[in-house]
Amino acid sequence: SMKEISASFPEGISYLIPFDITTYISESI
């Protein structure tokens, strides 16, 4: 969703996901 929404962001605005709890889950798996 964020990839789709960011396509209409004004120039100069971007997004970043600095913390994702699923990273720990995927590493545990």
Full PDB file with SEQRES, HELIX, SHEET, SSBOND, CRYST1, ORIGX, SCALE, CONECT and MASTER records, all heavy atoms in Angstrom:
SEQRES   1 A   29  SER MET LYS GLU ILE SER ALA SER PHE PRO GLU GLY ILE          
SEQRES   2 A   29  SER TYR LEU ILE PRO PHE ASP ILE THR THR TYR ILE SER          
SEQRES   3 A   29  GLU SER ILE                                                  
HELIX    1 AA1 MET A    2  ILE A    5  1                                   4    
HELIX    2 AA2 SER A    6  SER A    8  5                                   3    
HELIX    3 AA3 ILE A   21  SER A   28  1                                   8    
CRYST1    1.000    1.000    1.000  90.00  90.00  90.00 P 1           1          
ORIGX1      1.000000  0.000000  0.000000        0.00000                         
ORIGX2      0.000000  1.000000  0.000000        0.00000                         
ORIGX3      0.000000  0.000000  1.000000        0.00000                         
SCALE1      1.000000  0.000000  0.000000        0.00000                         
SCALE2      0.000000  1.000000  0.000000        0.00000                         
SCALE3      0.000000  0.000000  1.000000        0.00000                         
ATOM      1  N   SER A   1       0.821  -1.207   0.000  1.00  0.00           N  
ATOM      2  CA  SER A   1       0.000   0.000   0.000  1.00  0.00           C  
ATOM      3  C   SER A   1       0.853   1.254   0.000  1.00  0.00           C  
ATOM      4  O   SER A   1       0.570   2.213  -0.732  1.00  0.00           O  
ATOM      5  CB  SER A   1      -0.944  -0.002   1.215  1.00  0.00           C  
ATOM      6  OG  SER A   1      -1.856  -1.077   1.154  1.00  0.00           O  
ATOM      7  N   MET A   2       1.889   1.271   0.821  1.00  0.00           N  
ATOM      8  CA  MET A   2       2.768   2.445   0.875  1.00  0.00           C  
ATOM      9  C   MET A   2       3.483   2.666  -0.453  1.00  0.00           C  
ATOM     10  O   MET A   2       3.693   3.803  -0.881  1.00  0.00           O  
ATOM     11  CB  MET A   2       3.782   2.281   2.009  1.00  0.00           C  
ATOM     12  CG  MET A   2       3.210   2.449   3.403  1.00  0.00           C  
ATOM     13  SD  MET A   2       2.352   4.029   3.640  1.00  0.00           S  
ATOM     14  CE  MET A   2       3.638   5.206   3.238  1.00  0.00           C  
ATOM     15  N   LYS A   3       3.838   1.574  -1.125  1.00  0.00           N  
ATOM     16  CA  LYS A   3       4.477   1.707  -2.441  1.00  0.00           C  
ATOM     17  C   LYS A   3       3.515   2.337  -3.442  1.00  0.00           C  
ATOM     18  O   LYS A   3       3.904   3.183  -4.259  1.00  0.00           O  
ATOM     19  CB  LYS A   3       4.936   0.334  -2.925  1.00  0.00           C  
ATOM     20  CG  LYS A   3       5.730   0.377  -4.216  1.00  0.00           C  
ATOM     21  CD  LYS A   3       6.220  -1.017  -4.591  1.00  0.00           C  
ATOM     22  CE  LYS A   3       7.035  -0.973  -5.891  1.00  0.00           C  
ATOM     23  NZ  LYS A   3       7.515  -2.325  -6.266  1.00  0.00           N  
ATOM     24  N   GLU A   4       2.242   1.949  -3.335  1.00  0.00           N  
ATOM     25  CA  GLU A   4       1.225   2.503  -4.232  1.00  0.00           C  
ATOM     26  C   GLU A   4       0.913   3.949  -3.885  1.00  0.00           C  
ATOM     27  O   GLU A   4       0.791   4.811  -4.776  1.00  0.00           O  
ATOM     28  CB  GLU A   4      -0.041   1.645  -4.144  1.00  0.00           C  
ATOM     29  CG  GLU A   4      -1.146   2.072  -5.085  1.00  0.00           C  
ATOM     30  CD  GLU A   4      -2.357   1.164  -4.990  1.00  0.00           C  
ATOM     31  OE1 GLU A   4      -2.234   0.062  -4.416  1.00  0.00           O  
ATOM     32  OE2 GLU A   4      -3.428   1.564  -5.483  1.00  0.00           O  
ATOM     33  N   ILE A   5       0.784   4.256  -2.581  1.00  0.00           N  
ATOM     34  CA  ILE A   5       0.470   5.630  -2.167  1.00  0.00           C  
ATOM     35  C   ILE A   5       1.605   6.581  -2.515  1.00  0.00           C  
ATOM     36  O   ILE A   5       1.377   7.712  -2.950  1.00  0.00           O  
ATOM     37  CB  ILE A   5       0.195   5.671  -0.647  1.00  0.00           C  
ATOM     38  CG1 ILE A   5      -1.021   4.826  -0.292  1.00  0.00           C  
ATOM     39  CG2 ILE A   5      -0.019   7.101  -0.175  1.00  0.00           C  
ATOM     40  CD1 ILE A   5      -1.198   4.614   1.200  1.00  0.00           C  
ATOM     41  N   SER A   6       2.838   6.135  -2.335  1.00  0.00           N  
ATOM     42  CA  SER A   6       3.995   7.018  -2.540  1.00  0.00           C  
ATOM     43  C   SER A   6       4.137   7.468  -3.982  1.00  0.00           C  
ATOM     44  O   SER A   6       4.840   8.443  -4.264  1.00  0.00           O  
ATOM     45  CB  SER A   6       5.276   6.311  -2.088  1.00  0.00           C  
ATOM     46  OG  SER A   6       5.521   5.156  -2.873  1.00  0.00           O  
ATOM     47  N   ALA A   7       3.478   6.763  -4.911  1.00  0.00           N  
ATOM     48  CA  ALA A   7       3.571   7.173  -6.320  1.00  0.00           C  
ATOM     49  C   ALA A   7       2.943   8.545  -6.546  1.00  0.00           C  
ATOM     50  O   ALA A   7       3.309   9.250  -7.493  1.00  0.00           O  
ATOM     51  CB  ALA A   7       2.889   6.123  -7.202  1.00  0.00           C  
ATOM     52  N   SER A   8       2.006   8.945  -5.675  1.00  0.00           N  
ATOM     53  CA  SER A   8       1.355  10.251  -5.817  1.00  0.00           C  
ATOM     54  C   SER A   8       1.885  11.285  -4.832  1.00  0.00           C  
ATOM     55  O   SER A   8       1.300  12.362  -4.694  1.00  0.00           O  
ATOM     56  CB  SER A   8      -0.164  10.087  -5.629  1.00  0.00           C  
ATOM     57  OG  SER A   8      -0.449   9.544  -4.351  1.00  0.00           O  
ATOM     58  N   PHE A   9       2.978  10.976  -4.120  1.00  0.00           N  
ATOM     59  CA  PHE A   9       3.564  11.943  -3.194  1.00  0.00           C  
ATOM     60  C   PHE A   9       4.118  13.144  -3.970  1.00  0.00           C  
ATOM     61  O   PHE A   9       4.654  12.977  -5.078  1.00  0.00           O  
ATOM     62  CB  PHE A   9       4.701  11.303  -2.399  1.00  0.00           C  
ATOM     63  CG  PHE A   9       4.245  10.461  -1.237  1.00  0.00           C  
ATOM     64  CD1 PHE A   9       2.914  10.292  -0.958  1.00  0.00           C  
ATOM     65  CD2 PHE A   9       5.178   9.826  -0.418  1.00  0.00           C  
ATOM     66  CE1 PHE A   9       2.490   9.507   0.109  1.00  0.00           C  
ATOM     67  CE2 PHE A   9       4.781   9.044   0.644  1.00  0.00           C  
ATOM     68  CZ  PHE A   9       3.424   8.880   0.900  1.00  0.00           C  
ATOM     69  N   PRO A  10       4.023  14.349  -3.401  1.00  0.00           N  
ATOM     70  CA  PRO A  10       4.695  15.507  -4.013  1.00  0.00           C  
ATOM     71  C   PRO A  10       6.206  15.287  -4.069  1.00  0.00           C  
ATOM     72  O   PRO A  10       6.767  14.553  -3.248  1.00  0.00           O  
ATOM     73  CB  PRO A  10       4.339  16.658  -3.070  1.00  0.00           C  
ATOM     74  CG  PRO A  10       3.139  16.198  -2.313  1.00  0.00           C  
ATOM     75  CD  PRO A  10       3.265  14.717  -2.191  1.00  0.00           C  
ATOM     76  N   GLU A  11       6.825  15.889  -5.019  1.00  0.00           N  
ATOM     77  CA  GLU A  11       8.281  15.743  -5.149  1.00  0.00           C  
ATOM     78  C   GLU A  11       8.975  16.284  -3.900  1.00  0.00           C  
ATOM     79  O   GLU A  11       8.686  17.389  -3.449  1.00  0.00           O  
ATOM     80  CB  GLU A  11       8.772  16.494  -6.387  1.00  0.00           C  
ATOM     81  CG  GLU A  11      10.249  16.298  -6.654  1.00  0.00           C  
ATOM     82  CD  GLU A  11      10.709  17.014  -7.907  1.00  0.00           C  
ATOM     83  OE1 GLU A  11       9.858  17.596  -8.609  1.00  0.00           O  
ATOM     84  OE2 GLU A  11      11.928  17.000  -8.178  1.00  0.00           O  
ATOM     85  N   GLY A  12       9.855  15.486  -3.320  1.00  0.00           N  
ATOM     86  CA  GLY A  12      10.552  15.874  -2.101  1.00  0.00           C  
ATOM     87  C   GLY A  12      10.065  15.136  -0.873  1.00  0.00           C  
ATOM     88  O   GLY A  12      10.688  15.214   0.182  1.00  0.00           O  
ATOM     89  N   ILE A  13       8.923  14.411  -0.998  1.00  0.00           N  
ATOM     90  CA  ILE A  13       8.402  13.622   0.124  1.00  0.00           C  
ATOM     91  C   ILE A  13       8.608  12.141  -0.172  1.00  0.00           C  
ATOM     92  O   ILE A  13       8.282  11.669  -1.263  1.00  0.00           O  
ATOM     93  CB  ILE A  13       6.904  13.902   0.374  1.00  0.00           C  
ATOM     94  CG1 ILE A  13       6.695  15.347   0.818  1.00  0.00           C  
ATOM     95  CG2 ILE A  13       6.361  12.957   1.442  1.00  0.00           C  
ATOM     96  CD1 ILE A  13       5.244  15.689   1.107  1.00  0.00           C  
ATOM     97  N   SER A  14       9.155  11.429   0.755  1.00  0.00           N  
ATOM     98  CA  SER A  14       9.361   9.987   0.622  1.00  0.00           C  
ATOM     99  C   SER A  14       8.973   9.312   1.937  1.00  0.00           C  
ATOM    100  O   SER A  14       8.678   9.985   2.926  1.00  0.00           O  
ATOM    101  CB  SER A  14      10.823   9.671   0.271  1.00  0.00           C  
ATOM    102  OG  SER A  14      11.689  10.156   1.296  1.00  0.00           O  
ATOM    103  N   TYR A  15       8.950   7.989   1.937  1.00  0.00           N  
ATOM    104  CA  TYR A  15       8.601   7.253   3.157  1.00  0.00           C  
ATOM    105  C   TYR A  15       9.673   6.220   3.462  1.00  0.00           C  
ATOM    106  O   TYR A  15      10.436   5.797   2.592  1.00  0.00           O  
ATOM    107  CB  TYR A  15       7.235   6.580   3.013  1.00  0.00           C  
ATOM    108  CG  TYR A  15       7.232   5.319   2.187  1.00  0.00           C  
ATOM    109  CD1 TYR A  15       7.350   4.065   2.794  1.00  0.00           C  
ATOM    110  CD2 TYR A  15       7.130   5.371   0.800  1.00  0.00           C  
ATOM    111  CE1 TYR A  15       7.362   2.910   2.039  1.00  0.00           C  
ATOM    112  CE2 TYR A  15       7.143   4.217   0.045  1.00  0.00           C  
ATOM    113  CZ  TYR A  15       7.252   2.984   0.658  1.00  0.00           C  
ATOM    114  OH  TYR A  15       7.277   1.840  -0.084  1.00  0.00           O  
ATOM    115  N   LEU A  16       9.723   5.829   4.727  1.00  0.00           N  
ATOM    116  CA  LEU A  16      10.696   4.842   5.192  1.00  0.00           C  
ATOM    117  C   LEU A  16      10.056   4.049   6.331  1.00  0.00           C  
ATOM    118  O   LEU A  16       9.286   4.602   7.111  1.00  0.00           O  
ATOM    119  CB  LEU A  16      11.976   5.535   5.686  1.00  0.00           C  
ATOM    120  CG  LEU A  16      13.099   4.633   6.228  1.00  0.00           C  
ATOM    121  CD1 LEU A  16      13.669   3.768   5.114  1.00  0.00           C  
ATOM    122  CD2 LEU A  16      14.202   5.475   6.856  1.00  0.00           C  
ATOM    123  N   ILE A  17      10.348   2.746   6.393  1.00  0.00           N  
ATOM    124  CA  ILE A  17       9.853   1.897   7.489  1.00  0.00           C  
ATOM    125  C   ILE A  17      11.054   1.577   8.381  1.00  0.00           C  
ATOM    126  O   ILE A  17      11.774   0.607   8.145  1.00  0.00           O  
ATOM    127  CB  ILE A  17       9.202   0.613   6.941  1.00  0.00           C  
ATOM    128  CG1 ILE A  17       8.054   0.977   5.994  1.00  0.00           C  
ATOM    129  CG2 ILE A  17       8.689  -0.259   8.092  1.00  0.00           C  
ATOM    130  CD1 ILE A  17       7.381  -0.214   5.353  1.00  0.00           C  
ATOM    131  N   PRO A  18      11.294   2.398   9.422  1.00  0.00           N  
ATOM    132  CA  PRO A  18      12.501   2.202  10.243  1.00  0.00           C  
ATOM    133  C   PRO A  18      12.407   1.060  11.236  1.00  0.00           C  
ATOM    134  O   PRO A  18      13.414   0.535  11.678  1.00  0.00           O  
ATOM    135  CB  PRO A  18      12.640   3.547  10.966  1.00  0.00           C  
ATOM    136  CG  PRO A  18      11.233   4.064  11.054  1.00  0.00           C  
ATOM    137  CD  PRO A  18      10.524   3.584   9.835  1.00  0.00           C  
ATOM    138  N   PHE A  19      11.168   0.671  11.600  1.00  0.00           N  
ATOM    139  CA  PHE A  19      11.022  -0.406  12.588  1.00  0.00           C  
ATOM    140  C   PHE A  19       9.854  -1.291  12.184  1.00  0.00           C  
ATOM    141  O   PHE A  19       8.747  -0.806  11.960  1.00  0.00           O  
ATOM    142  CB  PHE A  19      10.777   0.162  13.989  1.00  0.00           C  
ATOM    143  CG  PHE A  19      10.539  -0.898  15.037  1.00  0.00           C  
ATOM    144  CD1 PHE A  19      11.587  -1.676  15.504  1.00  0.00           C  
ATOM    145  CD2 PHE A  19       9.264  -1.132  15.533  1.00  0.00           C  
ATOM    146  CE1 PHE A  19      11.372  -2.661  16.454  1.00  0.00           C  
ATOM    147  CE2 PHE A  19       9.043  -2.103  16.484  1.00  0.00           C  
ATOM    148  CZ  PHE A  19      10.101  -2.878  16.941  1.00  0.00           C  
ATOM    149  N   ASP A  20      10.124  -2.578  12.073  1.00  0.00           N  
ATOM    150  CA  ASP A  20       9.094  -3.550  11.686  1.00  0.00           C  
ATOM    151  C   ASP A  20       9.278  -4.791  12.534  1.00  0.00           C  
ATOM    152  O   ASP A  20      10.284  -5.488  12.433  1.00  0.00           O  
ATOM    153  CB  ASP A  20       9.228  -3.881  10.199  1.00  0.00           C  
ATOM    154  CG  ASP A  20       8.096  -4.768   9.703  1.00  0.00           C  
ATOM    155  OD1 ASP A  20       7.249  -5.154  10.531  1.00  0.00           O  
ATOM    156  OD2 ASP A  20       8.058  -5.068   8.500  1.00  0.00           O  
ATOM    157  N   ILE A  21       8.278  -5.084  13.396  1.00  0.00           N  
ATOM    158  CA  ILE A  21       8.382  -6.215  14.307  1.00  0.00           C  
ATOM    159  C   ILE A  21       8.421  -7.534  13.551  1.00  0.00           C  
ATOM    160  O   ILE A  21       8.922  -8.542  14.051  1.00  0.00           O  
ATOM    161  CB  ILE A  21       7.205  -6.201  15.312  1.00  0.00           C  
ATOM    162  CG1 ILE A  21       7.413  -7.232  16.438  1.00  0.00           C  
ATOM    163  CG2 ILE A  21       5.905  -6.459  14.608  1.00  0.00           C  
ATOM    164  CD1 ILE A  21       8.608  -6.974  17.291  1.00  0.00           C  
ATOM    165  N   THR A  22       7.893  -7.543  12.307  1.00  0.00           N  
ATOM    166  CA  THR A  22       7.888  -8.796  11.546  1.00  0.00           C  
ATOM    167  C   THR A  22       9.298  -9.198  11.114  1.00  0.00           C  
ATOM    168  O   THR A  22       9.502 -10.348  10.725  1.00  0.00           O  
ATOM    169  CB  THR A  22       6.994  -8.672  10.298  1.00  0.00           C  
ATOM    170  OG1 THR A  22       7.480  -7.622   9.466  1.00  0.00           O  
ATOM    171  CG2 THR A  22       5.562  -8.393  10.682  1.00  0.00           C  
ATOM    172  N   THR A  23      10.236  -8.273  11.166  1.00  0.00           N  
ATOM    173  CA  THR A  23      11.628  -8.647  10.882  1.00  0.00           C  
ATOM    174  C   THR A  23      12.105  -9.670  11.900  1.00  0.00           C  
ATOM    175  O   THR A  23      12.754 -10.668  11.548  1.00  0.00           O  
ATOM    176  CB  THR A  23      12.536  -7.399  10.927  1.00  0.00           C  
ATOM    177  OG1 THR A  23      12.034  -6.426  10.015  1.00  0.00           O  
ATOM    178  CG2 THR A  23      13.971  -7.768  10.551  1.00  0.00           C  
ATOM    179  N   TYR A  24      11.749  -9.439  13.161  1.00  0.00           N  
ATOM    180  CA  TYR A  24      12.101 -10.402  14.213  1.00  0.00           C  
ATOM    181  C   TYR A  24      11.375 -11.728  14.003  1.00  0.00           C  
ATOM    182  O   TYR A  24      11.945 -12.798  14.171  1.00  0.00           O  
ATOM    183  CB  TYR A  24      11.729  -9.817  15.582  1.00  0.00           C  
ATOM    184  CG  TYR A  24      11.787 -10.801  16.718  1.00  0.00           C  
ATOM    185  CD1 TYR A  24      13.001 -11.172  17.279  1.00  0.00           C  
ATOM    186  CD2 TYR A  24      10.625 -11.379  17.216  1.00  0.00           C  
ATOM    187  CE1 TYR A  24      13.052 -12.087  18.319  1.00  0.00           C  
ATOM    188  CE2 TYR A  24      10.662 -12.283  18.252  1.00  0.00           C  
ATOM    189  CZ  TYR A  24      11.884 -12.631  18.802  1.00  0.00           C  
ATOM    190  OH  TYR A  24      11.927 -13.543  19.816  1.00  0.00           O  
ATOM    191  N   ILE A  25      10.094 -11.634  13.597  1.00  0.00           N  
ATOM    192  CA  ILE A  25       9.321 -12.861  13.374  1.00  0.00           C  
ATOM    193  C   ILE A  25       9.917 -13.675  12.235  1.00  0.00           C  
ATOM    194  O   ILE A  25      10.080 -14.892  12.344  1.00  0.00           O  
ATOM    195  CB  ILE A  25       7.849 -12.513  13.083  1.00  0.00           C  
ATOM    196  CG1 ILE A  25       7.220 -11.795  14.284  1.00  0.00           C  
ATOM    197  CG2 ILE A  25       7.045 -13.761  12.739  1.00  0.00           C  
ATOM    198  CD1 ILE A  25       5.817 -11.294  14.034  1.00  0.00           C  
ATOM    199  N   SER A  26      10.248 -13.015  11.122  1.00  0.00           N  
ATOM    200  CA  SER A  26      10.796 -13.744   9.975  1.00  0.00           C  
ATOM    201  C   SER A  26      12.151 -14.352  10.312  1.00  0.00           C  
ATOM    202  O   SER A  26      12.466 -15.472   9.882  1.00  0.00           O  
ATOM    203  CB  SER A  26      10.923 -12.803   8.767  1.00  0.00           C  
ATOM    204  OG  SER A  26      11.787 -11.723   9.058  1.00  0.00           O  
ATOM    205  N   GLU A  27      12.955 -13.615  11.106  1.00  0.00           N  
ATOM    206  CA  GLU A  27      14.238 -14.177  11.514  1.00  0.00           C  
ATOM    207  C   GLU A  27      14.044 -15.382  12.432  1.00  0.00           C  
ATOM    208  O   GLU A  27      14.785 -16.361  12.360  1.00  0.00           O  
ATOM    209  CB  GLU A  27      15.075 -13.108  12.219  1.00  0.00           C  
ATOM    210  CG  GLU A  27      15.666 -12.065  11.287  1.00  0.00           C  
ATOM    211  CD  GLU A  27      16.613 -12.674  10.266  1.00  0.00           C  
ATOM    212  OE1 GLU A  27      17.456 -13.517  10.661  1.00  0.00           O  
ATOM    213  OE2 GLU A  27      16.493 -12.340   9.080  1.00  0.00           O  
ATOM    214  N   SER A  28      13.018 -15.314  13.303  1.00  0.00           N  
ATOM    215  CA  SER A  28      12.729 -16.446  14.188  1.00  0.00           C  
ATOM    216  C   SER A  28      12.302 -17.668  13.386  1.00  0.00           C  
ATOM    217  O   SER A  28      12.726 -18.798  13.658  1.00  0.00           O  
ATOM    218  CB  SER A  28      11.634 -16.065  15.188  1.00  0.00           C  
ATOM    219  OG  SER A  28      12.042 -14.983  15.990  1.00  0.00           O  
ATOM    220  N   ILE A  29      11.464 -17.441  12.373  1.00  0.00           N  
ATOM    221  CA  ILE A  29      11.042 -18.549  11.511  1.00  0.00           C  
ATOM    222  C   ILE A  29      12.237 -19.137  10.784  1.00  0.00           C  
ATOM    223  O   ILE A  29      12.373 -20.363  10.645  1.00  0.00           O  
ATOM    224  CB  ILE A  29       9.968 -18.057  10.516  1.00  0.00           C  
ATOM    225  CG1 ILE A  29       8.700 -17.658  11.267  1.00  0.00           C  
ATOM    226  CG2 ILE A  29       9.650 -19.130   9.475  1.00  0.00           C  
ATOM    227  CD1 ILE A  29       7.644 -17.012  10.391  1.00  0.00           C  
TER     228      ILE A  29                                                      
MASTER        0    0    0    3    0    0    0    6  227    1    0    3          
END                                                                             
